[in-house]
């Protein structure tokens, strides 16, 4: 471990700079919904799909399409939570399913 890493741990800007795939909690100082906290910290399903697409360049235009769909959902989420103060219905009503 070099000198810089000794003072670093997950969540610090130096660690994140060296390990850009790491996601750390970002305190916004506001009260919000659970899912919105994951959006603000880029831990949500939409950001994670975008991250996967970025790591799979062979997806080409299909990947760009998926990435844009996720960006559109993030914009929809932001507008909905600003207007209604709650997560999108598709987020609130989501349940684990048991595929047969």
N, C-alpha and C. Protein backbone atom coordinates (compact mmCIF):
# COMPACT_ATOMS: atom_id res chain seq x y z
N UNK A 1 0.86 -1.17 0.00
CA UNK A 1 0.00 0.00 0.00
C UNK A 1 0.90 1.24 0.00
N UNK A 2 0.69 2.14 -0.95
CA UNK A 2 1.52 3.33 -0.98
C UNK A 2 0.99 4.38 0.01
N UNK A 3 1.74 5.44 0.16
CA UNK A 3 1.41 6.47 1.16
C UNK A 3 0.02 7.07 0.93
N UNK A 4 -0.36 7.36 -0.34
CA UNK A 4 -1.67 7.95 -0.61
C UNK A 4 -2.80 7.01 -0.23
N UNK A 5 -2.66 5.71 -0.52
CA UNK A 5 -3.72 4.75 -0.22
C UNK A 5 -3.90 4.54 1.28
N UNK A 6 -2.86 4.72 2.05
CA UNK A 6 -2.96 4.49 3.49
C UNK A 6 -3.99 5.42 4.13
N UNK A 7 -4.15 6.62 3.57
CA UNK A 7 -5.09 7.59 4.13
C UNK A 7 -6.43 7.59 3.39
N UNK A 8 -6.61 6.64 2.50
CA UNK A 8 -7.84 6.58 1.71
C UNK A 8 -8.70 5.41 2.15
N UNK A 9 -9.98 5.57 2.02
CA UNK A 9 -10.91 4.47 2.25
C UNK A 9 -12.14 4.73 1.40
N UNK A 10 -12.93 3.70 1.12
CA UNK A 10 -14.09 3.91 0.26
C UNK A 10 -14.95 5.07 0.75
N UNK A 11 -15.28 5.95 -0.15
CA UNK A 11 -16.09 7.11 0.19
C UNK A 11 -15.31 8.41 0.13
N UNK A 12 -13.99 8.36 0.19
CA UNK A 12 -13.23 9.60 0.12
C UNK A 12 -13.00 9.96 -1.34
N UNK A 13 -12.92 11.25 -1.65
CA UNK A 13 -12.70 11.66 -3.05
C UNK A 13 -11.45 11.04 -3.66
N UNK A 14 -10.36 10.91 -2.89
CA UNK A 14 -9.13 10.34 -3.44
C UNK A 14 -9.35 8.88 -3.83
N UNK A 15 -10.02 8.12 -3.00
CA UNK A 15 -10.28 6.71 -3.30
C UNK A 15 -11.18 6.59 -4.52
N UNK A 16 -12.22 7.39 -4.58
CA UNK A 16 -13.15 7.33 -5.70
C UNK A 16 -12.47 7.73 -6.99
N UNK A 17 -11.57 8.72 -6.94
CA UNK A 17 -10.85 9.14 -8.13
C UNK A 17 -10.03 7.99 -8.69
N UNK A 18 -9.40 7.23 -7.81
CA UNK A 18 -8.57 6.10 -8.24
C UNK A 18 -9.40 4.89 -8.64
N UNK A 19 -10.61 4.79 -8.13
CA UNK A 19 -11.50 3.65 -8.37
C UNK A 19 -12.87 4.18 -8.80
N UNK A 20 -12.98 4.67 -10.06
CA UNK A 20 -14.21 5.37 -10.47
C UNK A 20 -15.47 4.52 -10.46
N UNK A 21 -15.35 3.21 -10.40
CA UNK A 21 -16.53 2.35 -10.38
C UNK A 21 -17.14 2.25 -8.98
N UNK A 22 -16.43 2.76 -7.96
CA UNK A 22 -16.92 2.72 -6.58
C UNK A 22 -17.98 3.78 -6.40
N UNK A 23 -19.05 3.42 -5.73
CA UNK A 23 -20.12 4.37 -5.45
C UNK A 23 -20.14 4.65 -3.95
N UNK A 24 -20.05 5.92 -3.60
CA UNK A 24 -20.02 6.30 -2.19
C UNK A 24 -21.25 7.15 -1.88
N UNK A 25 -21.67 7.13 -0.63
CA UNK A 25 -22.82 7.89 -0.18
C UNK A 25 -22.52 9.38 -0.25
N UNK A 26 -23.45 10.14 -0.81
CA UNK A 26 -23.32 11.60 -0.90
C UNK A 26 -24.42 12.22 -0.04
N UNK A 27 -24.04 12.98 0.93
CA UNK A 27 -25.01 13.64 1.81
C UNK A 27 -25.48 14.92 1.15
N UNK A 28 -26.79 15.04 0.94
CA UNK A 28 -27.36 16.23 0.31
C UNK A 28 -27.97 17.17 1.35
N UNK A 29 -28.17 16.69 2.59
CA UNK A 29 -28.73 17.54 3.62
C UNK A 29 -30.22 17.79 3.49
N UNK A 30 -30.90 16.96 2.71
CA UNK A 30 -32.33 17.15 2.52
C UNK A 30 -33.07 15.85 2.86
N UNK A 31 -34.33 15.99 3.16
CA UNK A 31 -35.17 14.82 3.42
C UNK A 31 -35.81 14.42 2.10
N UNK A 32 -35.76 13.14 1.79
CA UNK A 32 -36.32 12.67 0.54
C UNK A 32 -36.75 11.22 0.69
N UNK A 33 -37.21 10.63 -0.40
CA UNK A 33 -37.67 9.25 -0.39
C UNK A 33 -36.49 8.29 -0.50
N UNK A 34 -36.70 7.04 -0.06
CA UNK A 34 -35.62 6.05 -0.09
C UNK A 34 -35.02 5.87 -1.47
N UNK A 35 -35.88 5.70 -2.48
CA UNK A 35 -35.35 5.48 -3.82
C UNK A 35 -34.62 6.71 -4.32
N UNK A 36 -35.10 7.89 -3.98
CA UNK A 36 -34.43 9.11 -4.42
C UNK A 36 -33.03 9.21 -3.83
N UNK A 37 -32.83 8.72 -2.63
CA UNK A 37 -31.48 8.69 -2.05
C UNK A 37 -30.57 7.81 -2.91
N UNK A 38 -31.10 6.68 -3.38
CA UNK A 38 -30.27 5.83 -4.24
C UNK A 38 -29.99 6.52 -5.57
N UNK A 39 -30.94 7.29 -6.07
CA UNK A 39 -30.72 8.05 -7.32
C UNK A 39 -29.63 9.10 -7.09
N UNK A 40 -29.74 9.85 -6.00
CA UNK A 40 -28.74 10.89 -5.72
C UNK A 40 -27.34 10.31 -5.59
N UNK A 41 -27.25 9.09 -5.09
CA UNK A 41 -25.96 8.45 -4.91
C UNK A 41 -25.56 7.56 -6.09
N UNK A 42 -26.40 7.55 -7.12
CA UNK A 42 -26.16 6.78 -8.34
C UNK A 42 -26.04 5.29 -8.06
N UNK A 43 -26.83 4.79 -7.08
CA UNK A 43 -26.88 3.36 -6.77
C UNK A 43 -28.13 2.70 -7.35
N UNK A 44 -28.99 3.49 -7.96
CA UNK A 44 -30.28 2.99 -8.44
C UNK A 44 -30.13 2.16 -9.70
N UNK A 45 -31.20 1.46 -10.05
CA UNK A 45 -31.20 0.58 -11.23
C UNK A 45 -30.89 1.32 -12.51
N UNK A 46 -31.31 2.58 -12.63
CA UNK A 46 -31.10 3.32 -13.87
C UNK A 46 -29.62 3.65 -14.07
N UNK A 47 -28.97 4.16 -13.03
CA UNK A 47 -27.54 4.45 -13.12
C UNK A 47 -26.71 3.17 -13.30
N UNK A 48 -27.12 2.10 -12.63
CA UNK A 48 -26.36 0.85 -12.75
C UNK A 48 -26.44 0.30 -14.17
N UNK A 49 -27.59 0.40 -14.81
CA UNK A 49 -27.70 -0.03 -16.21
C UNK A 49 -26.77 0.82 -17.08
N UNK A 50 -26.76 2.14 -16.86
CA UNK A 50 -25.88 3.00 -17.62
C UNK A 50 -24.41 2.61 -17.42
N UNK A 51 -24.06 2.27 -16.19
CA UNK A 51 -22.69 1.86 -15.88
C UNK A 51 -22.34 0.56 -16.62
N UNK A 52 -23.25 -0.38 -16.65
CA UNK A 52 -23.01 -1.64 -17.37
C UNK A 52 -22.82 -1.37 -18.86
N UNK A 53 -23.68 -0.53 -19.43
CA UNK A 53 -23.57 -0.20 -20.86
C UNK A 53 -22.21 0.42 -21.14
N UNK A 54 -21.75 1.31 -20.27
CA UNK A 54 -20.43 1.93 -20.46
C UNK A 54 -19.31 0.89 -20.47
N UNK A 55 -19.50 -0.19 -19.73
CA UNK A 55 -18.46 -1.23 -19.63
C UNK A 55 -18.57 -2.29 -20.73
N UNK A 56 -19.60 -2.19 -21.57
CA UNK A 56 -19.80 -3.15 -22.66
C UNK A 56 -19.91 -2.40 -23.99
N UNK A 57 -18.79 -1.88 -24.49
CA UNK A 57 -18.83 -1.07 -25.70
C UNK A 57 -19.34 -1.83 -26.93
N UNK A 58 -19.29 -3.15 -26.91
CA UNK A 58 -19.78 -3.93 -28.05
C UNK A 58 -21.29 -3.84 -28.22
N UNK A 59 -22.00 -3.28 -27.26
CA UNK A 59 -23.45 -3.12 -27.39
C UNK A 59 -23.81 -2.09 -28.46
N UNK A 60 -22.89 -1.20 -28.75
CA UNK A 60 -23.08 -0.23 -29.83
C UNK A 60 -24.33 0.61 -29.68
N UNK A 61 -25.12 0.70 -30.77
CA UNK A 61 -26.30 1.56 -30.77
C UNK A 61 -27.38 1.04 -29.82
N UNK A 62 -27.45 -0.28 -29.62
CA UNK A 62 -28.41 -0.83 -28.67
C UNK A 62 -28.09 -0.33 -27.25
N UNK A 63 -26.81 -0.31 -26.91
CA UNK A 63 -26.39 0.20 -25.61
C UNK A 63 -26.71 1.68 -25.46
N UNK A 64 -26.48 2.45 -26.52
CA UNK A 64 -26.79 3.89 -26.49
C UNK A 64 -28.28 4.10 -26.27
N UNK A 65 -29.10 3.25 -26.90
CA UNK A 65 -30.56 3.33 -26.74
C UNK A 65 -30.95 3.04 -25.29
N UNK A 66 -30.41 1.96 -24.72
CA UNK A 66 -30.72 1.62 -23.32
C UNK A 66 -30.27 2.73 -22.38
N UNK A 67 -29.08 3.27 -22.65
CA UNK A 67 -28.56 4.33 -21.79
C UNK A 67 -29.48 5.56 -21.84
N UNK A 68 -29.98 5.89 -23.03
CA UNK A 68 -30.88 7.04 -23.15
C UNK A 68 -32.22 6.75 -22.47
N UNK A 69 -32.69 5.51 -22.56
CA UNK A 69 -33.93 5.15 -21.85
C UNK A 69 -33.76 5.36 -20.35
N UNK A 70 -32.62 4.98 -19.82
CA UNK A 70 -32.36 5.15 -18.38
C UNK A 70 -32.27 6.62 -18.02
N UNK A 71 -31.66 7.43 -18.88
CA UNK A 71 -31.58 8.87 -18.64
C UNK A 71 -32.98 9.48 -18.63
N UNK A 72 -33.82 9.03 -19.55
CA UNK A 72 -35.21 9.52 -19.59
C UNK A 72 -35.96 9.16 -18.31
N UNK A 73 -35.73 7.96 -17.79
CA UNK A 73 -36.38 7.55 -16.53
C UNK A 73 -35.88 8.40 -15.36
N UNK A 74 -34.61 8.74 -15.37
CA UNK A 74 -34.06 9.59 -14.30
C UNK A 74 -34.71 10.98 -14.34
N UNK A 75 -34.91 11.51 -15.54
CA UNK A 75 -35.56 12.82 -15.68
C UNK A 75 -37.01 12.72 -15.22
N UNK A 76 -37.70 11.65 -15.65
CA UNK A 76 -39.08 11.43 -15.21
C UNK A 76 -39.17 11.33 -13.69
N UNK A 77 -38.23 10.59 -13.10
CA UNK A 77 -38.18 10.45 -11.64
C UNK A 77 -38.03 11.82 -10.97
N UNK A 78 -37.09 12.61 -11.46
CA UNK A 78 -36.83 13.93 -10.86
C UNK A 78 -38.08 14.81 -10.93
N UNK A 79 -38.73 14.86 -12.08
CA UNK A 79 -39.93 15.68 -12.21
C UNK A 79 -41.06 15.17 -11.31
N UNK A 80 -41.22 13.85 -11.24
CA UNK A 80 -42.30 13.29 -10.43
C UNK A 80 -42.08 13.55 -8.95
N UNK A 81 -40.86 13.33 -8.47
CA UNK A 81 -40.60 13.51 -7.04
C UNK A 81 -40.68 14.99 -6.65
N UNK A 82 -40.27 15.88 -7.56
CA UNK A 82 -40.39 17.32 -7.29
C UNK A 82 -41.86 17.75 -7.19
N UNK A 83 -42.70 17.17 -8.05
CA UNK A 83 -44.11 17.55 -8.08
C UNK A 83 -44.93 16.87 -6.99
N UNK A 84 -44.69 15.57 -6.74
CA UNK A 84 -45.55 14.79 -5.85
C UNK A 84 -44.92 14.47 -4.49
N UNK A 85 -43.61 14.63 -4.38
CA UNK A 85 -42.96 14.34 -3.11
C UNK A 85 -42.90 12.86 -2.76
N UNK A 86 -43.00 12.02 -3.77
CA UNK A 86 -42.91 10.58 -3.55
C UNK A 86 -42.33 9.92 -4.80
N UNK A 87 -41.90 8.68 -4.63
CA UNK A 87 -41.31 7.95 -5.75
C UNK A 87 -42.36 7.64 -6.81
N UNK A 88 -41.88 7.36 -8.02
CA UNK A 88 -42.76 6.94 -9.11
C UNK A 88 -43.58 5.73 -8.68
N UNK A 89 -44.82 5.62 -9.14
CA UNK A 89 -45.64 4.45 -8.78
C UNK A 89 -44.96 3.12 -9.13
N UNK A 90 -44.26 3.07 -10.25
CA UNK A 90 -43.59 1.81 -10.63
C UNK A 90 -42.49 1.43 -9.63
N UNK A 91 -41.96 2.40 -8.92
CA UNK A 91 -40.97 2.13 -7.88
C UNK A 91 -41.69 1.74 -6.59
N UNK A 92 -42.69 2.52 -6.21
CA UNK A 92 -43.44 2.25 -4.98
C UNK A 92 -44.11 0.88 -5.00
N UNK A 93 -44.65 0.51 -6.15
CA UNK A 93 -45.45 -0.71 -6.25
C UNK A 93 -44.65 -1.94 -6.65
N UNK A 94 -43.34 -1.80 -6.82
CA UNK A 94 -42.52 -2.91 -7.27
C UNK A 94 -42.43 -4.00 -6.21
N UNK A 95 -42.56 -5.23 -6.64
CA UNK A 95 -42.45 -6.39 -5.75
C UNK A 95 -41.55 -7.43 -6.39
N UNK A 96 -40.85 -8.18 -5.55
CA UNK A 96 -40.09 -9.33 -6.06
C UNK A 96 -41.08 -10.32 -6.63
N UNK A 97 -40.77 -10.86 -7.77
CA UNK A 97 -41.64 -11.89 -8.35
C UNK A 97 -40.92 -13.23 -8.31
N UNK A 98 -41.71 -14.28 -8.42
CA UNK A 98 -41.15 -15.64 -8.41
C UNK A 98 -41.41 -16.24 -9.78
N UNK A 99 -40.48 -16.01 -10.73
CA UNK A 99 -40.71 -16.55 -12.08
C UNK A 99 -40.73 -18.07 -12.05
N UNK A 100 -41.67 -18.64 -12.74
CA UNK A 100 -41.82 -20.09 -12.80
C UNK A 100 -41.16 -20.64 -14.04
